[in-house]
Amino acid sequence: MTTALSQSLTLAWRSLIPLRNSPGQFAGMLLQPVFMIVIFVYLFGGSGGDRSGAVAYMLPGVLVQVALMSTITTGMNLATDIGNGVFDRFRTMPIARSAPLAGRVMADLLTLVITVAMSLLVGYAVGFRVTTSPFAALAGIGLVLFLSMALSWGSAWLGLVAKSVTSMQGLATAVLLPLTFGSSAFVPATDMPGWLTWWMGVNPVSHLAGSLRGLLGGGLRVSDVWITLGWTAALFALFAPLALRAYNRRVR
């Protein structure tokens, strides 16, 4: 167990090394939250005149969207590694079979932490302030990371079963866009038509954004947290076994 974890961490570090040699990719990872926050919070959010209120409401939603969309890279990187024959080389090495897959997910989790931290820094620059306790704020960030990691396993599964990187990216985007934009992350559900209000109510992204908003700014609805945890557990239970099964088939 310890050996497998050590091997996974080593391969996670191996997955991060290319960022050092690709400053453009690293800069894009840092600039993505900047663009999203400027567009959704600083530009669109201030159109009604209440910029501070828009920042307080929309920034948690933007942070959630940036984190969830970042999970697409897990499947893209796996599909790229498979296409390049990297996993064929891993298969000949005396390492745990699950180490390359777990290492990839760990590496993307670390880059996700960097993206979330960058989002908070930019949010602070445009006027967002955490008004709750440090424990509550860390709990909110933890919820975002947990659900994102669960979705990373779904992204990994898509990357392992997709025919190409392009098809994997298209499938993942087709799933995540309705989840993020069809949620109450940016606009309250009460402002939407009836059918869309229903969809926002069952959408896990709405509950995640609501949980983060409450844990960072107050007014938390505990039901949002429990629903988010339930979705996280369900996604882990569904996609982790699927990804492991697809991975074992590819490296057999």
Protein backbone atom coordinates (compact mmCIF):
# COMPACT_ATOMS: atom_id res chain seq x y z
CA MET A 1 0.00 0.00 0.00
CA THR A 2 2.80 2.41 0.97
CA THR A 3 4.81 1.41 -2.10
CA ALA A 4 1.86 2.04 -4.41
CA LEU A 5 1.28 5.47 -2.85
CA SER A 6 4.96 6.35 -3.19
CA GLN A 7 4.94 5.28 -6.83
CA SER A 8 1.79 7.29 -7.47
CA LEU A 9 3.37 10.40 -5.95
CA THR A 10 6.50 9.89 -8.06
CA LEU A 11 4.43 9.63 -11.23
CA ALA A 12 2.41 12.66 -10.15
CA TRP A 13 5.65 14.62 -9.98
CA ARG A 14 6.58 13.24 -13.40
CA SER A 15 3.27 14.58 -14.74
CA LEU A 16 4.03 18.06 -13.37
CA ILE A 17 7.54 18.36 -14.80
CA PRO A 18 6.31 19.34 -18.31
CA LEU A 19 4.79 22.51 -16.83
CA ARG A 20 8.31 23.71 -16.07
CA ASN A 21 9.21 23.35 -19.73
CA SER A 22 5.91 24.77 -21.01
CA PRO A 23 5.55 28.30 -19.60
CA GLY A 24 2.66 28.97 -21.96
CA GLN A 25 0.64 26.10 -20.51
CA PHE A 26 1.40 27.21 -16.96
CA ALA A 27 0.52 30.82 -17.78
CA GLY A 28 -2.77 29.68 -19.32
CA MET A 29 -3.61 27.77 -16.15
CA LEU A 30 -3.02 30.92 -14.10
CA LEU A 31 -4.75 33.32 -16.48
CA GLN A 32 -7.94 31.28 -16.92
CA PRO A 33 -9.43 32.36 -13.56
CA VAL A 34 -8.35 35.94 -14.25
CA PHE A 35 -10.30 36.06 -17.52
CA MET A 36 -13.34 34.30 -16.03
CA ILE A 37 -13.53 36.62 -13.03
CA VAL A 38 -13.02 39.76 -15.09
CA ILE A 39 -15.71 38.75 -17.59
CA PHE A 40 -18.37 37.34 -15.25
CA VAL A 41 -17.79 39.38 -12.11
CA TYR A 42 -16.10 42.62 -12.99
CA LEU A 43 -17.74 43.18 -16.39
CA PHE A 44 -21.17 41.50 -16.44
CA GLY A 45 -21.67 41.54 -12.67
CA GLY A 46 -21.44 45.30 -12.43
CA SER A 47 -23.95 46.06 -15.17
CA GLY A 48 -26.75 46.51 -12.62
CA GLY A 49 -24.86 49.05 -10.56
CA ASP A 50 -24.36 46.92 -7.44
CA ARG A 51 -20.83 45.74 -8.17
CA SER A 52 -20.01 44.71 -4.59
CA GLY A 53 -23.15 42.58 -4.35
CA ALA A 54 -22.42 41.02 -7.74
CA VAL A 55 -18.88 40.19 -6.68
CA ALA A 56 -20.09 38.59 -3.44
CA TYR A 57 -22.64 36.44 -5.29
CA MET A 58 -20.83 35.56 -8.49
CA LEU A 59 -17.23 34.99 -7.47
CA PRO A 60 -17.95 31.69 -5.65
CA GLY A 61 -19.80 30.56 -8.77
CA VAL A 62 -16.88 31.52 -11.00
CA LEU A 63 -14.49 29.68 -8.70
CA VAL A 64 -16.65 26.55 -8.90
CA GLN A 65 -16.85 26.77 -12.68
CA VAL A 66 -13.09 27.26 -13.09
CA ALA A 67 -12.40 24.28 -10.82
CA LEU A 68 -14.87 21.94 -12.54
CA MET A 69 -13.78 22.89 -16.06
CA SER A 70 -10.17 22.26 -15.05
CA THR A 71 -10.99 18.58 -14.51
CA ILE A 72 -11.16 18.12 -18.28
CA THR A 73 -7.37 18.17 -18.38
CA THR A 74 -7.21 14.85 -16.52
CA GLY A 75 -8.87 12.97 -19.35
CA MET A 76 -7.03 14.95 -22.02
CA ASN A 77 -3.65 14.16 -20.47
CA LEU A 78 -4.53 10.48 -20.12
CA ALA A 79 -5.69 10.28 -23.73
CA THR A 80 -2.46 11.99 -24.81
CA ASP A 81 -0.30 9.59 -22.77
CA ILE A 82 -2.11 6.61 -24.24
CA GLY A 83 -1.70 7.94 -27.76
CA ASN A 84 2.02 8.53 -27.18
CA GLY A 85 2.59 5.03 -25.83
CA VAL A 86 3.54 6.21 -22.35
CA PHE A 87 1.38 3.59 -20.65
CA ASP A 88 2.97 0.86 -22.74
CA ARG A 89 6.27 1.78 -21.10
CA PHE A 90 4.69 1.87 -17.66
CA ARG A 91 3.36 -1.63 -18.23
CA THR A 92 6.91 -3.00 -18.49
CA MET A 93 8.03 -1.33 -15.24
CA PRO A 94 7.87 -3.00 -11.78
CA ILE A 95 5.25 -0.59 -10.40
CA ALA A 96 1.69 -0.92 -9.15
CA ARG A 97 -0.77 -1.10 -12.02
CA SER A 98 -2.86 1.71 -10.57
CA ALA A 99 0.10 4.06 -9.93
CA PRO A 100 0.10 5.85 -13.33
CA LEU A 101 -3.64 6.53 -13.15
CA ALA A 102 -3.56 7.65 -9.51
CA GLY A 103 -0.47 9.78 -10.20
CA ARG A 104 -2.24 11.56 -13.04
CA VAL A 105 -5.24 12.39 -10.83
CA MET A 106 -2.95 13.59 -8.00
CA ALA A 107 -1.01 15.84 -10.35
CA ASP A 108 -4.17 17.44 -11.68
CA LEU A 109 -5.45 17.90 -8.14
CA LEU A 110 -2.33 19.92 -7.32
CA THR A 111 -2.76 22.13 -10.38
CA LEU A 112 -6.39 22.56 -9.36
CA VAL A 113 -5.27 23.84 -5.95
CA ILE A 114 -3.08 26.41 -7.72
CA THR A 115 -6.01 27.45 -9.94
CA VAL A 116 -8.34 27.86 -6.94
CA ALA A 117 -5.73 29.88 -5.06
CA MET A 118 -5.29 32.13 -8.09
CA SER A 119 -9.06 32.58 -8.32
CA LEU A 120 -9.22 33.71 -4.69
CA LEU A 121 -6.35 36.15 -5.19
CA VAL A 122 -8.02 37.71 -8.23
CA GLY A 123 -11.33 37.78 -6.37
CA TYR A 124 -9.68 39.68 -3.53
CA ALA A 125 -8.32 42.15 -6.07
CA VAL A 126 -11.82 42.89 -7.42
CA GLY A 127 -13.32 43.35 -3.96
CA PHE A 128 -14.36 39.92 -2.71
CA ARG A 129 -13.89 39.37 1.02
CA VAL A 130 -14.31 36.26 3.16
CA THR A 131 -16.61 37.20 6.03
CA THR A 132 -16.73 33.85 7.80
CA SER A 133 -14.16 31.98 9.88
CA PRO A 134 -10.97 30.49 8.40
CA PHE A 135 -12.32 27.00 9.18
CA ALA A 136 -15.51 27.68 7.22
CA ALA A 137 -13.53 29.08 4.30
CA LEU A 138 -11.24 26.03 4.22
CA ALA A 139 -14.27 23.75 4.39
CA GLY A 140 -15.73 25.52 1.35
CA ILE A 141 -12.52 25.14 -0.64
CA GLY A 142 -12.36 21.51 0.46
CA LEU A 143 -15.86 20.87 -0.91
CA VAL A 144 -14.82 22.32 -4.27
CA LEU A 145 -11.69 20.17 -4.37
CA PHE A 146 -13.53 16.98 -3.33
CA LEU A 147 -16.24 17.31 -5.96
CA SER A 148 -13.67 18.31 -8.57
CA MET A 149 -11.57 15.25 -7.73
CA ALA A 150 -14.64 13.05 -8.10
CA LEU A 151 -15.26 14.58 -11.52
CA SER A 152 -11.59 14.05 -12.37
CA TRP A 153 -12.22 10.31 -12.15
CA GLY A 154 -15.08 10.78 -14.60
CA SER A 155 -12.76 12.75 -16.85
CA ALA A 156 -10.16 9.99 -16.51
CA TRP A 157 -12.72 7.41 -17.56
CA LEU A 158 -13.64 9.45 -20.64
CA GLY A 159 -9.98 9.87 -21.50
CA LEU A 160 -9.45 6.10 -21.29
CA VAL A 161 -12.44 5.12 -23.42
CA ALA A 162 -12.41 7.99 -25.94
CA LYS A 163 -10.88 7.44 -29.36
CA SER A 164 -8.89 10.68 -29.29
CA VAL A 165 -8.09 13.74 -27.21
CA THR A 166 -10.47 15.82 -29.31
CA SER A 167 -13.42 13.50 -28.78
CA MET A 168 -12.71 13.29 -25.05
CA GLN A 169 -12.60 17.08 -24.74
CA GLY A 170 -15.81 17.45 -26.70
CA LEU A 171 -17.68 14.91 -24.56
CA ALA A 172 -16.48 16.41 -21.28
CA THR A 173 -17.33 19.96 -22.38
CA ALA A 174 -20.79 18.87 -23.51
CA VAL A 175 -21.44 17.53 -20.00
CA LEU A 176 -19.87 20.32 -17.94
CA LEU A 177 -21.23 23.34 -19.80
CA PRO A 178 -24.93 22.59 -19.04
CA LEU A 179 -23.99 21.79 -15.45
CA THR A 180 -22.09 25.03 -14.83
CA PHE A 181 -24.10 27.53 -16.88
CA GLY A 182 -27.41 25.85 -16.07
CA SER A 183 -26.92 26.37 -12.35
CA SER A 184 -27.43 29.13 -9.82
CA ALA A 185 -23.70 29.82 -9.77
CA PHE A 186 -24.16 33.13 -11.57
CA VAL A 187 -27.89 33.94 -11.43
CA PRO A 188 -30.42 33.10 -8.66
CA ALA A 189 -32.85 30.35 -9.61
CA THR A 190 -35.78 32.61 -8.68
CA ASP A 191 -35.00 34.79 -11.72
CA MET A 192 -35.40 31.90 -14.16
CA PRO A 193 -38.41 30.25 -15.87
CA GLY A 194 -40.11 27.36 -14.05
CA TRP A 195 -38.48 24.47 -15.93
CA LEU A 196 -35.03 26.01 -15.55
CA THR A 197 -35.67 26.68 -11.87
CA TRP A 198 -36.36 22.95 -11.43
CA TRP A 199 -33.14 22.02 -13.22
CA MET A 200 -31.12 24.46 -11.12
CA GLY A 201 -32.64 22.94 -7.99
CA VAL A 202 -31.41 19.43 -8.81
CA ASN A 203 -28.12 20.52 -10.39
CA PRO A 204 -25.17 19.56 -8.12
CA VAL A 205 -23.25 22.64 -9.24
CA SER A 206 -25.98 24.87 -7.79
CA HIS A 207 -25.59 23.20 -4.40
CA LEU A 208 -21.80 23.36 -4.57
CA ALA A 209 -21.88 27.06 -5.46
CA GLY A 210 -24.44 27.68 -2.71
CA SER A 211 -22.29 25.83 -0.18
CA LEU A 212 -19.18 27.79 -1.13
CA ARG A 213 -21.08 31.07 -1.10
CA GLY A 214 -22.41 30.36 2.38
CA LEU A 215 -19.08 29.13 3.76
CA LEU A 216 -17.21 32.15 2.43
CA GLY A 217 -19.80 34.88 2.91
CA GLY A 218 -22.34 33.63 5.43
CA GLY A 219 -25.97 32.55 5.16
CA LEU A 220 -25.09 28.89 4.70
CA ARG A 221 -27.83 26.38 4.00
CA VAL A 222 -26.67 23.10 5.53
CA SER A 223 -28.77 21.16 3.04
CA ASP A 224 -26.50 22.43 0.24
CA VAL A 225 -23.47 20.93 1.97
CA TRP A 226 -25.11 17.54 2.51
CA ILE A 227 -26.36 17.39 -1.06
CA THR A 228 -22.89 18.29 -2.34
CA LEU A 229 -21.31 15.57 -0.20
CA GLY A 230 -23.89 13.09 -1.46
CA TRP A 231 -23.13 13.94 -5.09
CA THR A 232 -19.39 13.71 -4.40
CA ALA A 233 -19.73 10.24 -2.87
CA ALA A 234 -21.97 9.09 -5.74
CA LEU A 235 -19.55 10.36 -8.40
CA PHE A 236 -16.60 8.68 -6.68
CA ALA A 237 -18.52 5.42 -6.37
CA LEU A 238 -19.50 5.53 -10.04
CA PHE A 239 -16.44 6.82 -11.86
CA ALA A 240 -13.47 5.53 -9.84
CA PRO A 241 -14.32 1.85 -10.54
CA LEU A 242 -15.16 2.65 -14.17
CA ALA A 243 -11.84 4.45 -14.65
CA LEU A 244 -9.87 1.64 -13.00
CA ARG A 245 -11.63 -0.98 -15.13
CA ALA A 246 -11.03 0.97 -18.34
CA TYR A 247 -7.40 1.53 -17.34
CA ASN A 248 -6.83 -2.18 -16.68
CA ARG A 249 -8.24 -2.98 -20.10
CA ARG A 250 -5.94 -0.48 -21.80
CA VAL A 251 -2.76 -1.70 -20.09
CA ARG A 252 -3.54 -5.41 -20.21
